[in-house]
Protein backbone atom coordinates (compact mmCIF):
# COMPACT_ATOMS: atom_id res chain seq x y z
CA MET A 1 89.60 83.17 -39.93
CA SER A 2 89.99 83.41 -36.18
CA ILE A 3 91.66 79.98 -36.15
CA PHE A 4 94.15 81.13 -38.81
CA ASN A 5 94.88 84.34 -36.93
CA PHE A 6 95.49 82.31 -33.79
CA CYS A 7 97.90 80.06 -35.69
CA TYR A 8 99.68 83.08 -37.17
CA ARG A 9 100.18 84.50 -33.68
CA ILE A 10 101.67 81.23 -32.42
CA VAL A 11 103.84 80.73 -35.52
CA PRO A 12 104.53 84.20 -37.04
CA CYS A 13 106.31 82.79 -40.11
CA LEU A 14 103.02 81.29 -41.33
CA ALA A 15 101.64 84.80 -41.88
CA ASP A 16 104.02 85.27 -44.82
CA PRO A 17 102.58 83.55 -47.96
CA ALA A 18 106.06 82.82 -49.37
CA ARG A 19 107.23 81.15 -46.16
CA ARG A 20 103.93 79.31 -45.85
CA SER A 21 104.35 77.94 -49.36
CA SER A 22 107.96 76.96 -48.65
CA LEU A 23 107.00 75.16 -45.45
CA GLY A 24 104.19 73.39 -47.32
CA LEU A 25 106.65 72.11 -49.95
CA LYS A 26 109.05 70.88 -47.28
CA ALA A 27 106.24 69.10 -45.44
CA ALA A 28 105.03 67.54 -48.72
CA LEU A 29 108.51 66.22 -49.50
CA VAL A 30 108.86 64.63 -46.05
CA VAL A 31 105.39 63.07 -46.37
CA LEU A 32 106.24 61.66 -49.82
CA HIS A 33 109.41 60.05 -48.49
CA ILE A 34 107.52 58.51 -45.57
CA VAL A 35 104.72 57.23 -47.84
CA TYR A 36 107.09 55.49 -50.26
CA ALA A 37 109.27 53.95 -47.54
CA GLY A 38 106.34 53.16 -45.23
CA THR A 39 104.37 51.36 -47.96
CA LEU A 40 107.42 49.27 -48.71
CA PHE A 41 107.81 48.12 -45.11
CA LEU A 42 104.05 47.52 -44.73
CA PHE A 43 103.55 45.41 -47.87
CA TYR A 44 106.95 43.75 -48.22
CA SER A 45 106.98 41.14 -45.46
CA ASP A 46 110.17 39.53 -46.77
CA LEU A 47 111.99 42.81 -46.14
CA ILE A 48 111.27 42.50 -42.42
CA GLU A 49 112.70 38.97 -42.42
CA LYS A 50 115.72 40.16 -44.37
CA THR A 51 116.24 42.94 -41.86
CA LYS A 52 116.39 40.38 -39.07
CA GLU A 53 118.94 38.29 -40.95
CA GLU A 54 120.95 41.17 -42.45
CA PRO A 55 120.29 44.32 -40.40
CA TRP A 56 123.11 46.21 -42.12
CA TYR A 57 121.16 46.24 -45.42
CA THR A 58 118.14 48.05 -43.98
CA ALA A 59 120.38 50.21 -41.79
CA ILE A 60 122.23 51.56 -44.85
CA TYR A 61 118.93 52.20 -46.65
CA LEU A 62 117.49 54.11 -43.67
CA LEU A 63 120.77 56.01 -43.29
CA LEU A 64 120.54 57.12 -46.93
CA PHE A 65 116.87 58.00 -46.37
CA VAL A 66 117.73 60.28 -43.44
CA ALA A 67 120.82 61.72 -45.19
CA ALA A 68 118.77 62.76 -48.24
CA LEU A 69 116.24 64.58 -46.07
CA ILE A 70 118.97 66.28 -44.04
CA GLN A 71 120.77 67.34 -47.22
CA TYR A 72 117.51 68.78 -48.54
CA PHE A 73 116.98 70.99 -45.49
CA VAL A 74 120.65 72.00 -45.33
CA THR A 75 120.58 73.05 -49.00
CA SER A 76 117.27 74.89 -48.71
CA CYS A 77 118.50 76.84 -45.67
CA SER A 78 121.96 77.67 -47.09
CA SER A 79 122.83 80.98 -48.70
CA PRO A 80 123.55 80.97 -52.44
CA GLY A 81 125.87 83.97 -51.98
CA TYR A 82 124.20 87.35 -52.35
CA VAL A 83 125.93 90.39 -53.86
CA LEU A 84 124.86 92.62 -50.96
CA ASP A 85 126.47 90.20 -48.50
CA ALA A 86 129.65 90.22 -50.59
CA MET A 87 129.68 94.03 -50.41
CA ARG A 88 129.37 93.89 -46.62
CA ASP A 89 132.14 91.32 -46.48
CA LEU A 90 134.37 93.61 -48.56
CA ASN A 91 133.60 96.60 -46.33
CA GLU A 92 134.47 94.61 -43.24
CA LYS A 93 137.78 93.51 -44.77
CA ASN A 94 138.54 97.08 -45.78
CA SER A 95 137.83 98.40 -42.28
CA LEU A 96 139.98 95.67 -40.72
CA TYR A 97 142.78 96.44 -43.18
CA ARG A 98 142.66 100.15 -42.37
CA ARG A 99 142.69 99.43 -38.64
CA SER A 100 145.66 97.11 -38.98
CA SER A 101 147.45 99.72 -41.11
CA MET A 102 146.88 102.38 -38.46
CA LEU A 103 147.99 100.08 -35.65
CA SER A 104 151.13 99.05 -37.50
CA LYS A 105 151.92 102.74 -38.10
CA GLN A 106 152.06 102.67 -41.87
CA PRO A 107 150.84 106.12 -42.92
CA ALA A 108 151.86 105.61 -46.55
CA SER A 109 149.31 102.88 -47.18
CA SER A 110 146.56 104.70 -45.30
CA LYS A 111 147.13 107.89 -47.25
CA SER A 112 146.90 106.12 -50.59
CA GLY A 113 143.76 104.35 -49.46
CA SER A 114 144.77 100.93 -50.75
CA PHE A 115 142.86 97.79 -49.88
CA VAL A 116 143.36 94.05 -50.18
CA ILE A 117 140.57 91.66 -51.16
CA THR A 118 140.52 88.01 -52.20
CA VAL A 119 139.60 87.34 -55.82
CA GLU A 120 139.58 83.61 -56.63
CA GLY A 121 142.11 82.77 -53.95
CA SER A 122 144.69 85.41 -54.91
CA GLN A 123 145.49 88.62 -53.07
CA TYR A 124 144.32 91.55 -55.11
CA GLU A 125 145.55 95.07 -54.35
CA ARG A 126 144.26 98.30 -55.89
CA ASN A 127 144.56 102.00 -55.10
CA ILE A 128 141.50 104.16 -54.58
CA THR A 129 141.94 107.24 -56.78
CA GLY A 130 138.64 108.97 -56.11
CA SER A 131 136.61 109.41 -52.95
CA ASN A 132 133.30 109.46 -54.82
CA VAL A 133 133.64 105.85 -56.08
CA THR A 134 133.37 102.98 -53.64
CA SER A 135 135.89 100.16 -53.39
CA TRP A 136 133.20 97.68 -54.46
CA THR A 137 132.60 99.58 -57.71
CA LYS A 138 136.32 99.68 -58.44
CA LEU A 139 136.65 95.98 -57.73
CA VAL A 140 133.73 95.10 -60.02
CA LEU A 141 134.93 97.36 -62.85
CA ASP A 142 138.38 95.79 -62.75
CA MET A 143 136.81 92.39 -63.51
CA TYR A 144 135.32 93.67 -66.79
CA PRO A 145 137.15 94.81 -69.95
CA PRO A 146 138.47 98.41 -69.85
CA GLY A 147 135.91 101.02 -70.78
CA THR A 148 132.91 99.20 -69.30
CA SER A 149 130.33 101.66 -68.00
CA ILE A 150 129.00 101.48 -64.43
CA ARG A 151 125.45 101.98 -65.72
CA THR A 152 125.55 98.73 -67.70
CA LEU A 153 126.60 96.82 -64.57
CA THR A 154 124.18 98.35 -62.07
CA CYS A 155 121.14 96.26 -61.14
CA ILE A 156 117.97 98.32 -61.57
CA TYR A 157 116.31 96.49 -58.67
CA CYS A 158 119.07 96.34 -56.04
CA ASN A 159 120.95 99.45 -57.27
CA VAL A 160 124.31 97.68 -56.86
CA GLU A 161 127.06 96.86 -59.35
CA GLN A 162 126.92 93.22 -60.40
CA PRO A 163 130.21 91.33 -60.76
CA PRO A 164 130.54 88.84 -63.65
CA ARG A 165 128.22 85.80 -63.47
CA ALA A 166 125.85 87.52 -61.02
CA LYS A 167 122.13 87.96 -61.74
CA HIS A 168 119.11 89.40 -59.99
CA CYS A 169 116.58 86.76 -58.88
CA HIS A 170 113.01 88.07 -58.99
CA ASP A 171 111.78 85.36 -56.61
CA CYS A 172 114.33 86.19 -53.90
CA ASP A 173 114.50 89.87 -54.94
CA LYS A 174 118.30 89.79 -54.56
CA CYS A 175 121.34 89.60 -56.81
CA VAL A 176 123.05 86.20 -56.58
CA LEU A 177 126.72 85.42 -57.24
CA GLN A 178 127.22 82.77 -59.94
CA PHE A 179 123.45 82.51 -60.33
CA ASP A 180 122.40 79.08 -61.57
CA HIS A 181 118.61 79.01 -61.13
CA HIS A 182 115.87 79.49 -58.57
CA CYS A 183 114.73 76.11 -57.28
CA VAL A 184 111.02 76.19 -56.43
CA TRP A 185 111.19 72.80 -54.71
CA LEU A 186 113.94 74.02 -52.37
CA GLY A 187 112.50 77.51 -52.03
CA THR A 188 115.86 79.22 -52.60
CA CYS A 189 118.31 80.23 -55.31
CA ILE A 190 121.16 77.99 -56.40
CA GLY A 191 124.41 79.93 -56.68
CA ARG A 192 128.05 79.85 -55.74
CA GLY A 193 127.34 79.26 -52.06
CA ASN A 194 125.12 76.17 -52.31
CA HIS A 195 125.58 74.66 -55.80
CA CYS A 196 127.80 71.90 -54.37
CA ARG A 197 125.22 71.05 -51.70
CA PHE A 198 122.52 71.03 -54.39
CA TRP A 199 124.49 68.49 -56.47
CA TRP A 200 124.98 66.21 -53.46
CA TYR A 201 121.26 66.42 -52.66
CA ILE A 202 120.36 65.38 -56.23
CA PHE A 203 122.89 62.54 -56.05
CA GLU A 204 121.57 61.21 -52.74
CA GLU A 205 117.95 61.53 -53.88
CA THR A 206 118.72 59.70 -57.14
CA VAL A 207 120.40 56.80 -55.33
CA LEU A 208 117.52 56.64 -52.84
CA CYS A 209 114.89 56.57 -55.63
CA LEU A 210 116.83 53.89 -57.53
CA TRP A 211 117.20 51.71 -54.43
CA THR A 212 113.52 52.14 -53.49
CA GLY A 213 112.45 51.26 -57.04
CA ILE A 214 114.51 48.06 -56.95
CA LEU A 215 112.87 47.09 -53.65
CA TYR A 216 109.41 47.76 -55.11
CA ILE A 217 110.12 45.56 -58.14
CA THR A 218 111.51 42.81 -55.90
CA CYS A 219 108.42 43.01 -53.71
CA LEU A 220 106.06 42.71 -56.69
CA LYS A 221 107.95 39.69 -58.06
CA ALA A 222 108.09 37.92 -54.68
CA ASN A 223 104.39 38.38 -53.80
CA ILE A 224 102.34 38.01 -56.98
CA SER A 225 99.43 36.30 -55.20
CA ARG A 226 98.86 39.22 -52.85
CA VAL A 227 95.55 41.06 -52.61
CA TRP A 228 94.96 42.98 -55.85
CA TRP A 229 94.57 46.42 -54.23
CA LYS A 230 97.99 46.12 -52.62
CA ASP A 231 99.53 45.36 -56.01
CA ALA A 232 97.65 48.30 -57.54
CA ILE A 233 98.99 50.69 -54.88
CA MET A 234 102.56 49.46 -55.31
CA ILE A 235 102.39 49.64 -59.11
CA LEU A 236 101.02 53.19 -58.96
CA LEU A 237 103.79 54.24 -56.56
CA LEU A 238 106.38 52.49 -58.73
CA VAL A 239 105.23 54.36 -61.86
CA THR A 240 105.43 57.76 -60.14
CA LEU A 241 108.78 56.77 -58.63
CA SER A 242 110.11 55.85 -62.08
CA ILE A 243 109.09 59.24 -63.47
CA ALA A 244 110.83 60.98 -60.56
CA LEU A 245 113.92 58.81 -61.07
CA ILE A 246 114.16 59.72 -64.77
CA PHE A 247 113.87 63.42 -63.91
CA LEU A 248 116.51 63.14 -61.17
CA LEU A 249 118.91 61.21 -63.40
CA LEU A 250 118.64 63.82 -66.16
CA LEU A 251 119.09 66.62 -63.63
CA LEU A 252 122.14 64.90 -62.12
CA ILE A 253 123.75 64.37 -65.53
CA PHE A 254 122.99 67.95 -66.57
CA HIS A 255 124.51 69.53 -63.44
CA SER A 256 127.50 67.17 -63.62
CA TYR A 257 128.11 68.49 -67.14
CA LEU A 258 127.85 72.07 -65.84
CA ILE A 259 130.40 71.32 -63.12
CA LEU A 260 132.89 69.72 -65.53
CA THR A 261 132.66 72.71 -67.91
CA TYR A 262 132.37 75.29 -65.08
CA GLN A 263 129.10 76.80 -66.31
CA THR A 264 125.76 77.65 -64.78
CA THR A 265 122.27 76.86 -66.00
CA TYR A 266 121.59 80.54 -66.63
CA GLU A 267 124.78 80.94 -68.70
CA LEU A 268 124.02 77.84 -70.77
CA VAL A 269 120.38 78.68 -71.49
CA ARG A 270 120.77 82.46 -71.99
CA ARG A 271 124.25 82.48 -73.48
CA ARG A 272 123.34 84.66 -76.47
CA ARG A 273 121.62 87.25 -74.25
CA ILE A 274 124.41 87.63 -71.68
CA PRO A 275 126.69 90.53 -72.75
CA TYR A 276 130.00 88.99 -71.64
CA LEU A 277 129.25 85.71 -73.51
CA ARG A 278 127.88 87.02 -76.80
CA GLY A 279 131.13 87.07 -78.77
CA ILE A 280 132.43 83.75 -77.47
CA PRO A 281 131.96 80.58 -79.60
CA GLU A 282 129.42 78.03 -78.37
CA ARG A 283 131.86 75.27 -77.40
CA VAL A 284 134.29 77.57 -75.61
CA TYR A 285 133.87 77.71 -71.85
CA PRO A 286 135.42 81.00 -70.72
CA PHE A 287 135.57 80.20 -66.99
CA SER A 288 136.73 76.58 -67.30
CA LYS A 289 140.12 75.71 -65.81
CA GLY A 290 140.19 72.08 -66.92
CA VAL A 291 138.13 69.13 -65.74
CA CYS A 292 140.25 68.27 -62.70
CA ARG A 293 140.64 71.86 -61.53
CA ASN A 294 136.94 72.52 -62.10
CA LEU A 295 136.05 69.56 -59.88
CA TYR A 296 138.56 70.59 -57.23
CA ASP A 297 137.31 74.18 -57.18
CA PHE A 298 133.68 73.06 -57.06
CA CYS A 299 134.13 70.54 -54.24
CA PHE A 300 137.06 71.73 -52.12
CA ALA A 301 138.39 75.18 -53.04
CA ARG A 302 135.29 77.22 -52.26
CA SER A 303 136.56 78.57 -48.95
CA SER A 304 134.49 81.73 -49.36
CA ILE A 305 131.12 82.03 -51.07
CA TYR A 306 131.97 85.68 -51.76
CA SER A 307 135.01 84.98 -53.96
CA LEU A 308 134.67 86.74 -57.31
CA GLU A 309 135.82 85.84 -60.82
CA ARG A 310 137.09 88.25 -63.45
CA LEU A 311 136.31 87.87 -67.14
CA PRO A 312 139.05 86.10 -69.13
CA THR A 313 141.28 88.18 -71.37
CA ALA A 314 141.36 87.91 -75.17
CA MET A 315 144.56 85.82 -75.01
CA GLU A 316 142.97 83.40 -72.52
CA LEU A 317 139.87 83.03 -74.70
CA GLU A 318 142.05 82.40 -77.76
CA GLU A 319 143.91 79.68 -75.84
CA LYS A 320 140.64 78.07 -74.70
CA SER A 321 139.21 78.13 -78.24
CA ARG A 322 142.26 76.33 -79.68
CA PRO A 323 141.28 72.73 -80.63
CA TYR A 324 142.78 69.90 -78.62
CA THR A 325 145.62 67.79 -80.01
CA CYS A 326 147.17 64.52 -78.88
CA LEU A 327 149.99 66.48 -77.26
CA ASP A 328 147.45 68.50 -75.26
CA PHE A 329 145.99 65.31 -73.79
CA LEU A 330 149.47 64.04 -72.92
CA THR A 331 150.45 67.31 -71.25
CA GLY A 332 147.16 67.47 -69.35
CA ARG A 333 145.77 70.63 -70.96
CA CYS A 334 142.20 69.31 -70.66
CA CYS A 335 142.71 68.81 -66.91
């Protein structure tokens, strides 16, 4: 125990069991990558010769190897977008707006107590009518249908009003904007702030596993007369690599489908239990803006991880539920 206490004093983060488990997973992932790539270079002698003749081939493979690891750590250390952070961001914008109003000598706006906040890239302005209700509460209520109670929106754990698509994560003990799921392997939640990074990590890892598997198969075909225990090790690693590749491919296809339809894993799995999705037909995606706009918003338009989305109106839902026709495809309605 004295050795552990000494280690905890040198590295304080190891004293926390959650951080210790997260660091252990990260170390295990790095070790697995090194084992698979190292075994390949140790047993595949032709790969060394090929590297001498065509160094660009191995250079691209190693570049992908390093990029996948970097993307893993970047994603695991990125914020998914917490509701409390969004509230602080709103308060800071409100204070800056009030200061600018006072400096520009506009008493009318300061008396009415108006504020400006970005909601999905548009400037949203609303007047504060009561001093006992915060601007965050008013902003959240305006995103729900009229008559929605504050009690039904308040998280019982964080004691804050949740905007649409937000959910409390029990592992992180925080409410996450556009909550998708909590990734145990990454040690963090996947939400609005890091869902794009998560997809790119899965993509890079899938390509790396596929490339490594092809090299393993090529090695086994080229050196059949090798010592049996080397073949046994490579076959065992190839089997586990194939299982991982199948899982990664399914995960990549699944999250690509979520991106194209602008959904989250939580909304797809718990659709019937989520209040704002209960009355919507199964094949209607209330937040979808079309395939092209969904891709653009997911990859390029996320300038702020604290941007919020309101629930669609009844007319918008009726338009989305209308079946597609040939004219709709020609006019680009699906895009």
